[in-house]
Amino acid sequence: MQVEIITIGDEILIGQIVDTNSAWMATELNKAGFEVVQITSVHDSEKQITDALESALERAEVVLFTGGIGPTKDDITKLTLCRYFGAELVFDAGVYANIENLLKNRMRAMNELTKTQAMVPDKAVIIPNPIGTAPITWFNKDGKVVVSMPGVPYEMKRAMEFEIIPRLQKQFQPQAIIHKTLLVAGYPESALALKIADWENALPEQIHLAYLPHFNIVKLRLSAAQDDFVSTKNEIDRQITLLKVILGNAVIAEEDIVLEELVGRHLKAAGKTLATAESCTGGHIAHRITTIAGSSAYFKGAVVAYSNEIKAGLLGVDVEIIERYGAVSEEVVRQMAVGVAGKLSADYVIATSGIAGPDGGTDEKPVGTVWIAVGTKDSLVSRKFQFSLDRQLNIERTTQTALLMLMESVVSG
């Protein structure tokens, strides 16, 4: 069963907001057995909305709209769908009562614009929206479904979870869609493809493989959509077993998981703690780690030692070492690691020092030069890297590389 998502709003197309709705909807639809074949964003324009709808109906059985159903003049989705389906706007007492109740609870008065939300297409099924003033409209056309929902994320999510997906599952017979993701470290994408080429070429026709590279890790996603869930899952599991024989320890996880959560699991399982001493990453490693719920069980804290004064005064880095070798050096980053381990009483440490750019590089140490030290204060591994000329990319790559080095250290014990 194929679904297309259309998001409406000039604010998306000019980059004023990011379309998070589509990603969330696609994830939930996949879980429910529906395949999303295309996601489109269009202007608040009747022609563009109509053209997008007609194209979508050629590809998919279900078209889901979000956005453009507010009470102001720039929100034209409701009127456009009325014209497309030959419907008239009629007053809906139930929708009006819902709006009154919402406004009463929010201590706001009804105005003329808000009243227009109770005018709904007479050829649509009207689905209540208990947390917003704009109702959800459901049109049926030649066995296909078109749904218009609010663009406000929390309103859309409630509608999808409690109304739209259950209704779609009742009306259609979705297939079992299975995704299985492996995280592979130590291989560039092209080298990994060559390594597993024979295995990939022998995959059954119904199983599709995708490569998703991201900073020293490649996600391998196996996907299949079949009526028989059990046999499909068993075949995917069999293929993963074969793949693990080929890749060995390069497979670091058998689920779609972010690296900071995976590292946290290893630290927690080992009963160990972590602290970071960050210069060029400016606390980004600590930020990644603390986005994971429960990270306080293993993360002690961070020192952002951006200046040499902090490196020396707080972490105990020898001033003569800084003067002799420079702040971006193996000697300094190792002393930073030992210093933060002592200051924060942590079992494991990460320390970073580098030239993130775009300025500050020299012939000897160009922009993108980074030193990372990882391990315990008694057993440190330090490595030099040459990344890019882009500041944000250097921060991201340093963070990802440091987390991978940490995981290697914790796993090896």
Protein backbone atom coordinates (compact mmCIF):
# COMPACT_ATOMS: atom_id res chain seq x y z
CA MET A 1 0.00 0.00 0.00
CA GLN A 2 1.59 3.24 -1.19
CA VAL A 3 1.27 6.66 0.44
CA GLU A 4 2.41 10.11 -0.62
CA ILE A 5 2.94 13.02 1.75
CA ILE A 6 2.46 16.63 0.66
CA THR A 7 3.47 19.46 2.98
CA ILE A 8 2.14 22.91 2.25
CA GLY A 9 3.63 26.24 3.21
CA ASP A 10 5.92 28.93 1.86
CA GLU A 11 7.73 28.88 5.22
CA ILE A 12 9.08 25.41 4.38
CA LEU A 13 10.25 26.32 0.89
CA ILE A 14 12.10 29.47 1.98
CA GLY A 15 13.83 27.61 4.79
CA GLN A 16 12.09 29.47 7.61
CA ILE A 17 11.08 26.18 9.22
CA VAL A 18 12.28 22.61 8.76
CA ASP A 19 9.77 19.99 7.62
CA THR A 20 9.95 17.53 10.50
CA ASN A 21 6.37 16.35 9.91
CA SER A 22 7.20 14.25 6.86
CA ALA A 23 10.03 12.33 8.51
CA TRP A 24 7.88 11.49 11.52
CA MET A 25 4.91 10.49 9.37
CA ALA A 26 7.03 8.28 7.11
CA THR A 27 8.45 6.45 10.12
CA GLU A 28 5.04 5.78 11.64
CA LEU A 29 3.47 4.78 8.32
CA ASN A 30 6.26 2.27 7.71
CA LYS A 31 5.66 0.75 11.13
CA ALA A 32 2.00 0.36 10.22
CA GLY A 33 2.77 -1.37 6.90
CA PHE A 34 2.43 1.54 4.46
CA GLU A 35 5.14 2.45 1.97
CA VAL A 36 5.82 6.17 1.45
CA VAL A 37 6.69 6.59 -2.22
CA GLN A 38 7.22 10.35 -2.34
CA ILE A 39 7.33 13.44 -0.15
CA THR A 40 6.60 16.81 -1.75
CA SER A 41 6.56 20.38 -0.44
CA VAL A 42 4.59 23.05 -2.30
CA HIS A 43 3.76 26.75 -2.05
CA ASP A 44 0.49 28.10 -0.68
CA SER A 45 -0.78 28.14 -4.26
CA GLU A 46 -4.00 26.58 -5.56
CA LYS A 47 -2.38 25.46 -8.81
CA GLN A 48 0.63 23.90 -7.11
CA ILE A 49 -1.52 22.12 -4.53
CA THR A 50 -3.85 20.78 -7.24
CA ASP A 51 -0.99 19.72 -9.53
CA ALA A 52 0.76 17.97 -6.64
CA LEU A 53 -2.45 16.15 -5.68
CA GLU A 54 -3.16 14.94 -9.21
CA SER A 55 0.40 13.66 -9.60
CA ALA A 56 0.27 11.96 -6.22
CA LEU A 57 -2.96 10.14 -7.00
CA GLU A 58 -1.29 8.60 -10.06
CA ARG A 59 1.36 7.03 -7.81
CA ALA A 60 -0.32 6.31 -4.50
CA GLU A 61 -3.54 5.02 -2.97
CA VAL A 62 -3.33 7.48 -0.08
CA VAL A 63 -2.32 11.16 -0.12
CA LEU A 64 -1.72 12.93 3.17
CA PHE A 65 -1.59 16.73 3.35
CA THR A 66 -0.23 18.76 6.26
CA GLY A 67 -0.44 22.52 6.56
CA GLY A 68 -2.37 25.36 5.05
CA ILE A 69 -5.67 24.88 6.91
CA GLY A 70 -5.50 27.81 9.32
CA PRO A 71 -8.08 30.63 9.37
CA THR A 72 -5.96 33.29 7.60
CA LYS A 73 -6.00 34.20 3.90
CA ASP A 74 -2.65 32.55 3.16
CA ASP A 75 -4.02 29.15 4.24
CA ILE A 76 -5.85 27.93 1.14
CA THR A 77 -5.72 24.13 1.37
CA LYS A 78 -9.34 23.72 2.49
CA LEU A 79 -10.73 25.88 -0.32
CA THR A 80 -8.47 24.22 -2.91
CA LEU A 81 -9.62 20.73 -1.91
CA CYS A 82 -13.24 21.89 -1.98
CA ARG A 83 -12.86 23.01 -5.57
CA TYR A 84 -10.97 19.85 -6.55
CA PHE A 85 -13.64 17.53 -5.12
CA GLY A 86 -16.59 19.73 -6.16
CA ALA A 87 -17.57 20.32 -2.53
CA GLU A 88 -19.30 23.20 -0.78
CA LEU A 89 -18.38 24.63 2.61
CA VAL A 90 -21.06 24.01 5.21
CA PHE A 91 -21.31 24.85 8.90
CA ASP A 92 -20.48 21.99 11.28
CA ALA A 93 -21.96 22.43 14.74
CA GLY A 94 -19.70 19.78 16.24
CA VAL A 95 -16.53 21.47 15.02
CA TYR A 96 -17.85 24.83 16.26
CA ALA A 97 -18.55 23.40 19.72
CA ASN A 98 -15.03 21.95 19.83
CA ILE A 99 -13.55 25.35 18.97
CA GLU A 100 -15.64 27.06 21.64
CA ASN A 101 -14.49 24.57 24.24
CA LEU A 102 -10.83 24.95 23.26
CA LEU A 103 -10.98 28.73 23.41
CA LYS A 104 -12.76 28.64 26.76
CA ASN A 105 -10.03 26.44 28.22
CA ARG A 106 -7.37 28.77 26.82
CA MET A 107 -9.27 31.84 28.08
CA ARG A 108 -9.50 33.31 24.59
CA ALA A 109 -12.45 34.86 22.80
CA MET A 110 -13.97 33.63 19.54
CA ASN A 111 -13.41 35.93 16.56
CA GLU A 112 -14.68 35.97 12.99
CA LEU A 113 -11.62 34.27 11.54
CA THR A 114 -11.66 31.44 14.05
CA LYS A 115 -15.38 30.85 13.35
CA THR A 116 -14.50 30.01 9.73
CA GLN A 117 -12.75 26.86 10.95
CA ALA A 118 -16.24 25.40 11.53
CA MET A 119 -16.98 25.67 7.80
CA VAL A 120 -16.10 22.26 6.34
CA PRO A 121 -16.37 20.50 2.93
CA ASP A 122 -19.70 18.72 2.57
CA LYS A 123 -18.13 15.84 0.62
CA ALA A 124 -15.54 14.99 3.26
CA VAL A 125 -15.61 12.89 6.38
CA ILE A 126 -14.86 15.30 9.22
CA ILE A 127 -12.55 13.98 11.90
CA PRO A 128 -12.46 15.87 15.21
CA ASN A 129 -9.28 17.65 16.31
CA PRO A 130 -9.57 17.85 20.11
CA ILE A 131 -6.34 19.86 20.52
CA GLY A 132 -6.73 22.40 17.69
CA THR A 133 -9.28 24.54 15.91
CA ALA A 134 -8.74 23.11 12.42
CA PRO A 135 -10.61 19.82 11.81
CA ILE A 136 -9.15 16.94 9.79
CA THR A 137 -10.87 16.24 6.46
CA TRP A 138 -10.95 12.81 4.79
CA PHE A 139 -11.97 12.50 1.12
CA ASN A 140 -12.63 9.26 -0.76
CA LYS A 141 -12.11 9.23 -4.54
CA ASP A 142 -12.30 6.13 -6.73
CA GLY A 143 -11.06 3.87 -3.95
CA LYS A 144 -8.30 6.26 -2.97
CA VAL A 145 -8.01 8.48 0.11
CA VAL A 146 -6.97 12.11 0.50
CA VAL A 147 -6.54 13.48 4.02
CA SER A 148 -5.85 17.06 5.08
CA MET A 149 -4.35 17.65 8.53
CA PRO A 150 -2.95 20.62 10.46
CA GLY A 151 0.71 21.44 10.00
CA VAL A 152 1.23 22.03 13.72
CA PRO A 153 3.36 18.99 14.66
CA TYR A 154 1.64 18.01 17.90
CA GLU A 155 -1.82 18.28 16.28
CA MET A 156 -0.69 16.26 13.26
CA LYS A 157 0.90 13.55 15.43
CA ARG A 158 -2.23 13.07 17.50
CA ALA A 159 -4.37 12.86 14.37
CA MET A 160 -2.05 10.28 12.79
CA GLU A 161 -1.75 8.09 15.88
CA PHE A 162 -5.38 8.03 16.99
CA GLU A 163 -7.34 8.61 13.78
CA ILE A 164 -5.58 8.42 10.42
CA ILE A 165 -3.40 5.32 10.73
CA PRO A 166 -6.11 3.22 12.44
CA ARG A 167 -8.63 4.22 9.75
CA LEU A 168 -6.16 3.45 6.94
CA GLN A 169 -5.40 0.04 8.42
CA LYS A 170 -9.11 -0.71 8.60
CA GLN A 171 -9.82 0.40 5.02
CA PHE A 172 -6.75 -1.14 3.38
CA GLN A 173 -4.69 -4.30 3.91
CA PRO A 174 -1.13 -3.10 4.51
CA GLN A 175 1.84 -5.36 3.94
CA ALA A 176 4.43 -6.27 6.52
CA ILE A 177 7.31 -3.82 6.02
CA ILE A 178 10.52 -4.88 7.72
CA HIS A 179 13.68 -2.82 8.10
CA LYS A 180 16.84 -4.09 9.74
CA THR A 181 19.88 -1.86 10.15
CA LEU A 182 23.49 -2.75 10.91
CA LEU A 183 26.15 -0.22 11.89
CA VAL A 184 29.52 -0.92 10.28
CA ALA A 185 32.74 0.84 11.26
CA GLY A 186 36.17 0.82 9.66
CA TYR A 187 35.11 0.82 6.00
CA PRO A 188 34.51 3.71 3.58
CA GLU A 189 31.27 3.18 1.66
CA SER A 190 32.95 2.07 -1.57
CA ALA A 191 35.34 -0.31 0.20
CA LEU A 192 32.43 -1.83 2.11
CA ALA A 193 30.47 -2.33 -1.11
CA LEU A 194 33.41 -4.21 -2.63
CA LYS A 195 33.86 -6.30 0.52
CA ILE A 196 30.26 -7.54 0.51
CA ALA A 197 29.64 -7.53 -3.26
CA ASP A 198 29.17 -11.30 -3.58
CA TRP A 199 26.79 -11.39 -0.64
CA GLU A 200 24.82 -8.42 -1.98
CA ASN A 201 24.53 -9.93 -5.46
CA ALA A 202 23.11 -13.10 -3.95
CA LEU A 203 20.38 -11.35 -1.94
CA PRO A 204 16.84 -12.58 -2.63
CA GLU A 205 14.89 -10.34 -4.98
CA GLN A 206 12.47 -9.19 -2.28
CA ILE A 207 15.20 -7.83 0.00
CA HIS A 208 16.63 -4.41 -0.79
CA LEU A 209 19.94 -3.07 0.56
CA ALA A 210 20.75 0.60 1.19
CA TYR A 211 24.09 2.18 2.17
CA LEU A 212 23.82 5.16 4.52
CA PRO A 213 27.30 6.59 5.28
CA HIS A 214 27.83 9.06 8.10
CA PHE A 215 31.26 10.08 9.45
CA ASN A 216 33.26 6.83 9.70
CA ILE A 217 30.15 4.66 10.02
CA VAL A 218 28.08 3.08 7.27
CA LYS A 219 24.55 1.99 8.06
CA LEU A 220 23.46 -1.04 6.05
CA ARG A 221 19.67 -1.20 5.90
CA LEU A 222 17.92 -4.34 4.66
CA SER A 223 14.27 -3.79 3.75
CA ALA A 224 11.45 -5.97 2.53
CA ALA A 225 7.68 -5.61 2.11
CA GLN A 226 5.82 -8.93 2.04
CA ASP A 227 2.50 -10.40 3.13
CA ASP A 228 4.21 -13.14 5.14
CA PHE A 229 5.89 -11.34 8.04
CA VAL A 230 7.45 -14.39 9.69
CA SER A 231 9.16 -15.87 6.62
CA THR A 232 10.38 -12.42 5.51
CA LYS A 233 11.86 -11.69 8.93
CA ASN A 234 13.51 -15.11 9.05
CA GLU A 235 15.12 -14.55 5.65
CA ILE A 236 16.45 -11.12 6.66
CA ASP A 237 17.85 -12.61 9.87
CA ARG A 238 19.57 -15.35 7.82
CA GLN A 239 21.14 -12.78 5.52
CA ILE A 240 22.40 -10.77 8.49
CA THR A 241 24.05 -13.88 9.93
CA LEU A 242 25.88 -14.41 6.62
CA LEU A 243 26.91 -10.74 6.53
CA LYS A 244 28.32 -10.82 10.06
CA VAL A 245 30.56 -13.74 9.09
CA ILE A 246 32.03 -11.56 6.33
CA LEU A 247 32.43 -8.36 8.36
CA GLY A 248 33.18 -9.73 11.81
CA ASN A 249 33.85 -7.08 14.47
CA ALA A 250 33.27 -4.29 11.96
CA VAL A 251 29.56 -4.72 12.76
CA ILE A 252 29.26 -2.60 15.91
CA ALA A 253 25.46 -2.69 16.26
CA GLU A 254 22.47 -4.55 14.87
CA GLU A 255 19.99 -1.72 15.21
CA ASP A 256 19.57 1.84 13.99
CA ILE A 257 21.15 3.59 16.95
CA VAL A 258 23.18 6.78 17.34
CA LEU A 259 26.80 6.29 18.32
CA GLU A 260 26.54 8.23 21.59
CA GLU A 261 23.79 5.91 22.81
CA LEU A 262 25.76 2.82 21.81
CA VAL A 263 28.87 4.09 23.64
CA GLY A 264 26.73 4.87 26.67
CA ARG A 265 25.40 1.32 26.76
CA HIS A 266 28.94 -0.08 26.76
CA LEU A 267 30.02 2.28 29.55
CA LYS A 268 26.98 1.43 31.64
CA ALA A 269 27.43 -2.31 31.12
CA ALA A 270 31.07 -2.03 32.18
CA GLY A 271 30.19 0.11 35.19
CA LYS A 272 32.59 2.83 34.02
CA THR A 273 32.39 6.61 33.86
CA LEU A 274 33.46 9.20 31.29
CA ALA A 275 34.66 12.81 31.23
CA THR A 276 35.71 15.01 28.31
CA ALA A 277 38.30 17.76 27.91
CA GLU A 278 37.41 19.63 24.74
CA SER A 279 39.11 22.40 22.89
CA CYS A 280 38.27 22.42 19.17
CA THR A 281 34.96 20.60 19.71
CA GLY A 282 33.79 23.23 22.20
CA GLY A 283 31.66 20.85 24.26
CA HIS A 284 30.03 19.13 21.28
CA ILE A 285 31.05 15.67 22.46
CA ALA A 286 29.49 16.34 25.87
CA HIS A 287 26.38 17.66 24.12
CA ARG A 288 26.02 14.48 22.05
CA ILE A 289 26.48 12.27 25.11
CA THR A 290 23.98 14.17 27.26
CA THR A 291 21.23 14.05 24.63
CA ILE A 292 20.77 10.43 25.74
CA ALA A 293 18.37 9.91 28.61
CA GLY A 294 20.09 8.30 31.58
CA SER A 295 23.59 9.46 30.59
CA SER A 296 24.10 10.79 34.13
CA ALA A 297 24.72 7.17 35.13
CA TYR A 298 28.09 7.20 33.35
CA PHE A 299 28.94 10.78 32.30
CA LYS A 300 30.78 12.84 34.91
CA GLY A 301 31.09 16.11 33.01
CA ALA A 302 33.25 18.17 30.66
CA VAL A 303 35.87 20.89 30.69
CA VAL A 304 35.82 23.11 27.61
CA ALA A 305 39.45 24.19 27.72
CA TYR A 306 39.36 26.53 24.76
CA SER A 307 42.18 28.81 25.87
CA ASN A 308 45.70 27.86 26.84
CA GLU A 309 45.14 29.46 30.25
CA ILE A 310 42.36 26.97 31.00
CA LYS A 311 44.40 24.08 29.64
CA ALA A 312 47.22 24.98 32.01
CA GLY A 313 45.35 26.41 35.00
CA LEU A 314 42.44 23.97 35.21
CA LEU A 315 43.72 20.80 33.55
CA GLY A 316 47.36 21.10 34.59
CA VAL A 317 48.88 21.09 31.11
CA ASP A 318 52.55 22.11 31.33
CA VAL A 319 52.99 25.65 29.97
CA GLU A 320 56.42 24.73 28.60
CA ILE A 321 54.84 21.84 26.69
CA ILE A 322 52.28 24.21 25.13
CA GLU A 323 55.05 26.67 24.16
CA ARG A 324 57.28 23.94 22.73
CA TYR A 325 54.76 21.84 20.81
CA GLY A 326 51.73 24.12 20.47
CA ALA A 327 48.21 23.63 21.79
CA VAL A 328 47.39 21.34 18.87
CA SER A 329 49.78 18.54 19.62
CA GLU A 330 49.92 15.01 20.94
CA GLU A 331 51.73 16.09 24.08
CA VAL A 332 49.10 18.66 25.02
CA VAL A 333 46.06 16.52 24.25
CA ARG A 334 47.42 13.66 26.34
CA GLN A 335 48.00 15.99 29.29
CA MET A 336 44.48 17.35 28.87
CA ALA A 337 43.12 13.80 29.08
CA VAL A 338 45.10 12.97 32.22
CA GLY A 339 44.11 16.28 33.78
CA VAL A 340 40.37 15.87 33.27
CA ALA A 341 40.50 12.27 34.47
CA GLY A 342 41.94 13.49 37.75
CA LYS A 343 39.73 16.55 38.08
CA LEU A 344 36.47 14.71 37.48
CA SER A 345 37.46 11.26 38.80
CA ALA A 346 36.44 9.50 35.59
CA ASP A 347 37.43 6.03 34.42
CA TYR A 348 37.54 6.96 30.72
CA VAL A 349 38.36 10.27 29.08
CA ILE A 350 38.24 11.97 25.70
CA ALA A 351 40.42 14.98 24.94
CA THR A 352 40.46 17.00 21.72
CA SER A 353 42.59 19.83 20.39
CA GLY A 354 42.63 21.03 16.82
CA ILE A 355 42.26 23.83 14.30
CA ALA A 356 38.58 23.88 13.36
CA GLY A 357 38.95 26.85 11.01
CA PRO A 358 38.33 28.67 8.85
CA ASP A 359 41.33 30.63 10.20
CA GLY A 360 44.29 29.70 12.36
CA GLY A 361 46.01 27.15 10.13
CA THR A 362 49.70 27.12 9.25
CA ASP A 363 51.81 25.24 6.73
CA GLU A 364 52.81 22.83 9.51
CA LYS A 365 49.32 22.56 11.00
CA PRO A 366 46.68 23.42 8.39
CA VAL A 367 42.99 23.89 9.15
CA GLY A 368 41.46 20.52 9.95
CA THR A 369 44.44 19.25 11.95
CA VAL A 370 43.10 17.50 15.06
CA TRP A 371 44.61 15.48 17.88
CA ILE A 372 42.37 13.14 19.90
CA ALA A 373 43.33 11.24 23.05
CA VAL A 374 41.04 8.53 24.42
CA GLY A 375 41.25 5.89 27.13
CA THR A 376 42.08 5.79 30.81
CA LYS A 377 44.69 8.03 32.46
CA ASP A 378 47.00 5.02 32.61
CA SER A 379 46.32 3.71 29.10
CA LEU A 380 45.77 6.45 26.52
CA VAL A 381 45.58 6.18 22.75
CA SER A 382 46.33 9.40 20.87
CA ARG A 383 45.90 9.92 17.13
CA LYS A 384 46.33 12.74 14.68
CA PHE A 385 43.75 13.43 11.97
CA GLN A 386 43.53 15.75 9.01
CA PHE A 387 39.92 16.62 8.33
CA SER A 388 38.47 19.38 6.12
CA LEU A 389 38.47 23.16 5.71
CA ASP A 390 34.88 23.45 6.98
CA ARG A 391 34.56 24.39 10.65
CA GLN A 392 31.29 22.62 11.44
CA LEU A 393 32.32 19.53 9.53
CA ASN A 394 35.58 19.39 11.49
CA ILE A 395 33.69 19.57 14.79
CA GLU A 396 31.27 16.82 13.71
CA ARG A 397 33.99 14.53 12.37
CA THR A 398 36.17 15.01 15.45
CA THR A 399 33.21 14.19 17.70
CA GLN A 400 32.26 11.08 15.75
CA THR A 401 35.85 9.85 15.56
CA ALA A 402 36.40 10.40 19.28
CA LEU A 403 33.27 8.45 20.16
CA LEU A 404 34.36 5.57 17.93
CA MET A 405 37.80 5.55 19.56
CA LEU A 406 36.14 5.52 22.98
CA MET A 407 33.94 2.58 22.06
CA GLU A 408 36.97 0.62 20.86
CA SER A 409 38.70 1.36 24.15
CA VAL A 410 35.75 0.37 26.34
CA VAL A 411 34.94 -2.78 24.36
CA SER A 412 38.55 -3.96 24.44
CA GLY A 413 38.59 -3.36 28.19
